[in-house]
Amino acid sequence: MLAVNIATSLTVDETIMDITPPTVFVGQIYGFTQVIIFPIILNGTHKIHIILMIEM
């Protein structure tokens, strides 16, 4: 839900946003112009990554 709220708040001029369910990636990611990874550490021990993939 966090990603959906962020993505829809960034939408400009009715741009189509493709929101997909969580995915596990192994290896390289191809086909996107830019990939931004936001590492988040929870309670000092657990780490999750929010991945924003931009396709132009």
PDB file of N, CA and C in Angstrom:
ATOM      1  N   MET A   1       0.819  -1.196   0.000  1.00  0.00           N
ATOM      2  CA  MET A   1       0.000   0.000   0.000  1.00  0.00           C
ATOM      3  C   MET A   1       0.861   1.258   0.000  1.00  0.00           C
ATOM      4  N   LEU A   2       2.010   1.195   0.638  1.00  0.00           N
ATOM      5  CA  LEU A   2       2.897   2.352   0.657  1.00  0.00           C
ATOM      6  C   LEU A   2       3.326   2.732  -0.753  1.00  0.00           C
ATOM      7  N   ALA A   3       3.730   1.735  -1.543  1.00  0.00           N
ATOM      8  CA  ALA A   3       4.177   2.008  -2.913  1.00  0.00           C
ATOM      9  C   ALA A   3       3.049   2.575  -3.762  1.00  0.00           C
ATOM     10  N   VAL A   4       1.847   2.059  -3.594  1.00  0.00           N
ATOM     11  CA  VAL A   4       0.698   2.553  -4.373  1.00  0.00           C
ATOM     12  C   VAL A   4       0.413   4.001  -4.020  1.00  0.00           C
ATOM     13  N   ASN A   5       0.440   4.334  -2.745  1.00  0.00           N
ATOM     14  CA  ASN A   5       0.178   5.716  -2.332  1.00  0.00           C
ATOM     15  C   ASN A   5       1.238   6.664  -2.876  1.00  0.00           C
ATOM     16  N   ILE A   6       2.503   6.246  -2.834  1.00  0.00           N
ATOM     17  CA  ILE A   6       3.574   7.099  -3.358  1.00  0.00           C
ATOM     18  C   ILE A   6       3.431   7.265  -4.868  1.00  0.00           C
ATOM     19  N   ALA A   7       3.217   6.150  -5.574  1.00  0.00           N
ATOM     20  CA  ALA A   7       3.136   6.192  -7.037  1.00  0.00           C
ATOM     21  C   ALA A   7       1.958   7.036  -7.509  1.00  0.00           C
ATOM     22  N   THR A   8       0.812   6.888  -6.876  1.00  0.00           N
ATOM     23  CA  THR A   8      -0.355   7.646  -7.323  1.00  0.00           C
ATOM     24  C   THR A   8      -0.226   9.124  -6.969  1.00  0.00           C
ATOM     25  N   SER A   9       0.510   9.438  -5.904  1.00  0.00           N
ATOM     26  CA  SER A   9       0.695  10.850  -5.568  1.00  0.00           C
ATOM     27  C   SER A   9       1.696  11.508  -6.515  1.00  0.00           C
ATOM     28  N   LEU A  10       2.557  10.718  -7.173  1.00  0.00           N
ATOM     29  CA  LEU A  10       3.529  11.251  -8.119  1.00  0.00           C
ATOM     30  C   LEU A  10       3.004  11.301  -9.548  1.00  0.00           C
ATOM     31  N   THR A  11       1.829  10.744  -9.785  1.00  0.00           N
ATOM     32  CA  THR A  11       1.264  10.708 -11.126  1.00  0.00           C
ATOM     33  C   THR A  11       0.932  12.125 -11.600  1.00  0.00           C
ATOM     34  N   VAL A  12       1.374  12.442 -12.819  1.00  0.00           N
ATOM     35  CA  VAL A  12       1.159  13.780 -13.372  1.00  0.00           C
ATOM     36  C   VAL A  12       0.425  13.652 -14.699  1.00  0.00           C
ATOM     37  N   ASP A  13      -0.576  14.483 -14.906  1.00  0.00           N
ATOM     38  CA  ASP A  13      -1.322  14.545 -16.165  1.00  0.00           C
ATOM     39  C   ASP A  13      -1.871  13.189 -16.594  1.00  0.00           C
ATOM     40  N   GLU A  14      -2.449  12.450 -15.664  1.00  0.00           N
ATOM     41  CA  GLU A  14      -3.095  11.155 -15.939  1.00  0.00           C
ATOM     42  C   GLU A  14      -2.141  10.154 -16.587  1.00  0.00           C
ATOM     43  N   THR A  15      -0.856  10.191 -16.238  1.00  0.00           N
ATOM     44  CA  THR A  15       0.115   9.219 -16.733  1.00  0.00           C
ATOM     45  C   THR A  15      -0.265   7.841 -16.226  1.00  0.00           C
ATOM     46  N   ILE A  16      -0.153   6.840 -17.077  1.00  0.00           N
ATOM     47  CA  ILE A  16      -0.517   5.482 -16.684  1.00  0.00           C
ATOM     48  C   ILE A  16       0.553   4.902 -15.784  1.00  0.00           C
ATOM     49  N   MET A  17       0.156   4.421 -14.600  1.00  0.00           N
ATOM     50  CA  MET A  17       1.075   3.792 -13.660  1.00  0.00           C
ATOM     51  C   MET A  17       0.772   2.297 -13.651  1.00  0.00           C
ATOM     52  N   ASP A  18       1.815   1.477 -13.737  1.00  0.00           N
ATOM     53  CA  ASP A  18       1.656   0.030 -13.700  1.00  0.00           C
ATOM     54  C   ASP A  18       2.110  -0.460 -12.337  1.00  0.00           C
ATOM     55  N   ILE A  19       1.164  -0.708 -11.439  1.00  0.00           N
ATOM     56  CA  ILE A  19       1.467  -1.178 -10.092  1.00  0.00           C
ATOM     57  C   ILE A  19       1.352  -2.699 -10.108  1.00  0.00           C
ATOM     58  N   THR A  20       2.421  -3.377  -9.703  1.00  0.00           N
ATOM     59  CA  THR A  20       2.423  -4.836  -9.716  1.00  0.00           C
ATOM     60  C   THR A  20       2.600  -5.370  -8.300  1.00  0.00           C
ATOM     61  N   PRO A  21       2.195  -6.616  -8.074  1.00  0.00           N
ATOM     62  CA  PRO A  21       2.392  -7.213  -6.751  1.00  0.00           C
ATOM     63  C   PRO A  21       3.884  -7.439  -6.479  1.00  0.00           C
ATOM     64  N   PRO A  22       4.257  -7.702  -5.235  1.00  0.00           N
ATOM     65  CA  PRO A  22       5.670  -7.934  -4.907  1.00  0.00           C
ATOM     66  C   PRO A  22       6.276  -9.052  -5.759  1.00  0.00           C
ATOM     67  N   THR A  23       7.540  -8.864  -6.133  1.00  0.00           N
ATOM     68  CA  THR A  23       8.248  -9.804  -6.993  1.00  0.00           C
ATOM     69  C   THR A  23       9.623 -10.085  -6.403  1.00  0.00           C
ATOM     70  N   VAL A  24      10.104 -11.315  -6.565  1.00  0.00           N
ATOM     71  CA  VAL A  24      11.452 -11.656  -6.140  1.00  0.00           C
ATOM     72  C   VAL A  24      12.357 -11.611  -7.360  1.00  0.00           C
ATOM     73  N   PHE A  25      13.434 -10.816  -7.289  1.00  0.00           N
ATOM     74  CA  PHE A  25      14.382 -10.702  -8.391  1.00  0.00           C
ATOM     75  C   PHE A  25      15.659 -11.444  -8.029  1.00  0.00           C
ATOM     76  N   VAL A  26      16.181 -12.185  -9.006  1.00  0.00           N
ATOM     77  CA  VAL A  26      17.468 -12.851  -8.848  1.00  0.00           C
ATOM     78  C   VAL A  26      18.301 -12.498 -10.071  1.00  0.00           C
ATOM     79  N   GLY A  27      19.472 -11.895  -9.861  1.00  0.00           N
ATOM     80  CA  GLY A  27      20.324 -11.537 -10.991  1.00  0.00           C
ATOM     81  C   GLY A  27      20.039 -10.147 -11.508  1.00  0.00           C
ATOM     82  N   GLN A  28      20.245  -9.955 -12.809  1.00  0.00           N
ATOM     83  CA  GLN A  28      20.131  -8.647 -13.449  1.00  0.00           C
ATOM     84  C   GLN A  28      18.678  -8.293 -13.772  1.00  0.00           C
ATOM     85  N   ILE A  29      18.408  -6.994 -13.794  1.00  0.00           N
ATOM     86  CA  ILE A  29      17.097  -6.480 -14.180  1.00  0.00           C
ATOM     87  C   ILE A  29      17.293  -5.715 -15.481  1.00  0.00           C
ATOM     88  N   TYR A  30      16.574  -6.105 -16.555  1.00  0.00           N
ATOM     89  CA  TYR A  30      16.719  -5.482 -17.874  1.00  0.00           C
ATOM     90  C   TYR A  30      15.414  -4.844 -18.309  1.00  0.00           C
ATOM     91  N   GLY A  31      15.507  -3.887 -19.240  1.00  0.00           N
ATOM     92  CA  GLY A  31      14.329  -3.308 -19.868  1.00  0.00           C
ATOM     93  C   GLY A  31      13.822  -2.035 -19.230  1.00  0.00           C
ATOM     94  N   PHE A  32      14.534  -1.495 -18.271  1.00  0.00           N
ATOM     95  CA  PHE A  32      14.107  -0.262 -17.622  1.00  0.00           C
ATOM     96  C   PHE A  32      15.193   0.789 -17.795  1.00  0.00           C
ATOM     97  N   THR A  33      14.780   2.060 -17.927  1.00  0.00           N
ATOM     98  CA  THR A  33      15.756   3.126 -18.118  1.00  0.00           C
ATOM     99  C   THR A  33      16.454   3.490 -16.812  1.00  0.00           C
ATOM    100  N   GLN A  34      15.771   3.275 -15.686  1.00  0.00           N
ATOM    101  CA  GLN A  34      16.380   3.599 -14.401  1.00  0.00           C
ATOM    102  C   GLN A  34      15.766   2.732 -13.319  1.00  0.00           C
ATOM    103  N   VAL A  35      16.603   2.265 -12.403  1.00  0.00           N
ATOM    104  CA  VAL A  35      16.145   1.500 -11.245  1.00  0.00           C
ATOM    105  C   VAL A  35      16.696   2.179 -10.007  1.00  0.00           C
ATOM    106  N   ILE A  36      15.802   2.516  -9.078  1.00  0.00           N
ATOM    107  CA  ILE A  36      16.201   3.157  -7.825  1.00  0.00           C
ATOM    108  C   ILE A  36      15.850   2.200  -6.694  1.00  0.00           C
ATOM    109  N   ILE A  37      16.831   1.895  -5.842  1.00  0.00           N
ATOM    110  CA  ILE A  37      16.619   0.967  -4.730  1.00  0.00           C
ATOM    111  C   ILE A  37      16.737   1.747  -3.420  1.00  0.00           C
ATOM    112  N   PHE A  38      15.693   1.653  -2.595  1.00  0.00           N
ATOM    113  CA  PHE A  38      15.671   2.300  -1.294  1.00  0.00           C
ATOM    114  C   PHE A  38      15.797   1.230  -0.211  1.00  0.00           C
ATOM    115  N   PRO A  39      16.988   1.023   0.375  1.00  0.00           N
ATOM    116  CA  PRO A  39      17.104   0.050   1.461  1.00  0.00           C
ATOM    117  C   PRO A  39      16.536   0.640   2.748  1.00  0.00           C
ATOM    118  N   ILE A  40      15.752  -0.133   3.471  1.00  0.00           N
ATOM    119  CA  ILE A  40      15.152   0.307   4.725  1.00  0.00           C
ATOM    120  C   ILE A  40      15.509  -0.710   5.800  1.00  0.00           C
ATOM    121  N   ILE A  41      16.081  -0.227   6.907  1.00  0.00           N
ATOM    122  CA  ILE A  41      16.452  -1.105   8.016  1.00  0.00           C
ATOM    123  C   ILE A  41      15.395  -0.965   9.108  1.00  0.00           C
ATOM    124  N   LEU A  42      14.832  -2.087   9.526  1.00  0.00           N
ATOM    125  CA  LEU A  42      13.789  -2.113  10.546  1.00  0.00           C
ATOM    126  C   LEU A  42      14.359  -2.692  11.839  1.00  0.00           C
ATOM    127  N   ASN A  43      14.157  -2.019  12.941  1.00  0.00           N
ATOM    128  CA  ASN A  43      14.605  -2.471  14.264  1.00  0.00           C
ATOM    129  C   ASN A  43      16.100  -2.753  14.314  1.00  0.00           C
ATOM    130  N   GLY A  44      16.882  -2.176  13.416  1.00  0.00           N
ATOM    131  CA  GLY A  44      18.314  -2.352  13.429  1.00  0.00           C
ATOM    132  C   GLY A  44      18.821  -3.691  12.936  1.00  0.00           C
ATOM    133  N   THR A  45      17.927  -4.634  12.636  1.00  0.00           N
ATOM    134  CA  THR A  45      18.374  -5.973  12.226  1.00  0.00           C
ATOM    135  C   THR A  45      17.775  -6.449  10.913  1.00  0.00           C
ATOM    136  N   HIS A  46      16.580  -6.047  10.613  1.00  0.00           N
ATOM    137  CA  HIS A  46      15.897  -6.510   9.405  1.00  0.00           C
ATOM    138  C   HIS A  46      16.018  -5.462   8.303  1.00  0.00           C
ATOM    139  N   LYS A  47      16.247  -5.914   7.083  1.00  0.00           N
ATOM    140  CA  LYS A  47      16.400  -4.995   5.960  1.00  0.00           C
ATOM    141  C   LYS A  47      15.426  -5.382   4.845  1.00  0.00           C
ATOM    142  N   ILE A  48      14.718  -4.378   4.320  1.00  0.00           N
ATOM    143  CA  ILE A  48      13.874  -4.574   3.143  1.00  0.00           C
ATOM    144  C   ILE A  48      14.313  -3.561   2.088  1.00  0.00           C
ATOM    145  N   HIS A  49      13.969  -3.827   0.840  1.00  0.00           N
ATOM    146  CA  HIS A  49      14.309  -2.911  -0.242  1.00  0.00           C
ATOM    147  C   HIS A  49      13.034  -2.506  -0.968  1.00  0.00           C
ATOM    148  N   ILE A  50      12.851  -1.222  -1.145  1.00  0.00           N
ATOM    149  CA  ILE A  50      11.788  -0.692  -1.990  1.00  0.00           C
ATOM    150  C   ILE A  50      12.453  -0.407  -3.334  1.00  0.00           C
ATOM    151  N   ILE A  51      11.955  -1.022  -4.417  1.00  0.00           N
ATOM    152  CA  ILE A  51      12.565  -0.871  -5.733  1.00  0.00           C
ATOM    153  C   ILE A  51      11.606  -0.122  -6.641  1.00  0.00           C
ATOM    154  N   LEU A  52      12.076   0.999  -7.191  1.00  0.00           N
ATOM    155  CA  LEU A  52      11.299   1.791  -8.136  1.00  0.00           C
ATOM    156  C   LEU A  52      11.950   1.626  -9.499  1.00  0.00           C
ATOM    157  N   MET A  53      11.231   0.997 -10.446  1.00  0.00           N
ATOM    158  CA  MET A  53      11.758   0.784 -11.778  1.00  0.00           C
ATOM    159  C   MET A  53      11.044   1.709 -12.751  1.00  0.00           C
ATOM    160  N   ILE A  54      11.809   2.498 -13.496  1.00  0.00           N
ATOM    161  CA  ILE A  54      11.252   3.500 -14.404  1.00  0.00           C
ATOM    162  C   ILE A  54      11.469   3.043 -15.833  1.00  0.00           C
ATOM    163  N   GLU A  55      10.382   3.006 -16.598  1.00  0.00           N
ATOM    164  CA  GLU A  55      10.417   2.610 -18.005  1.00  0.00           C
ATOM    165  C   GLU A  55       9.946   3.778 -18.826  1.00  0.00           C
ATOM    166  N   MET A  56      10.785   4.293 -19.707  1.00  0.00           N
ATOM    167  CA  MET A  56      10.422   5.452 -20.530  1.00  0.00           C
ATOM    168  C   MET A  56      10.268   5.029 -21.969  1.00  0.00           C
TER     169      MET A  56
END
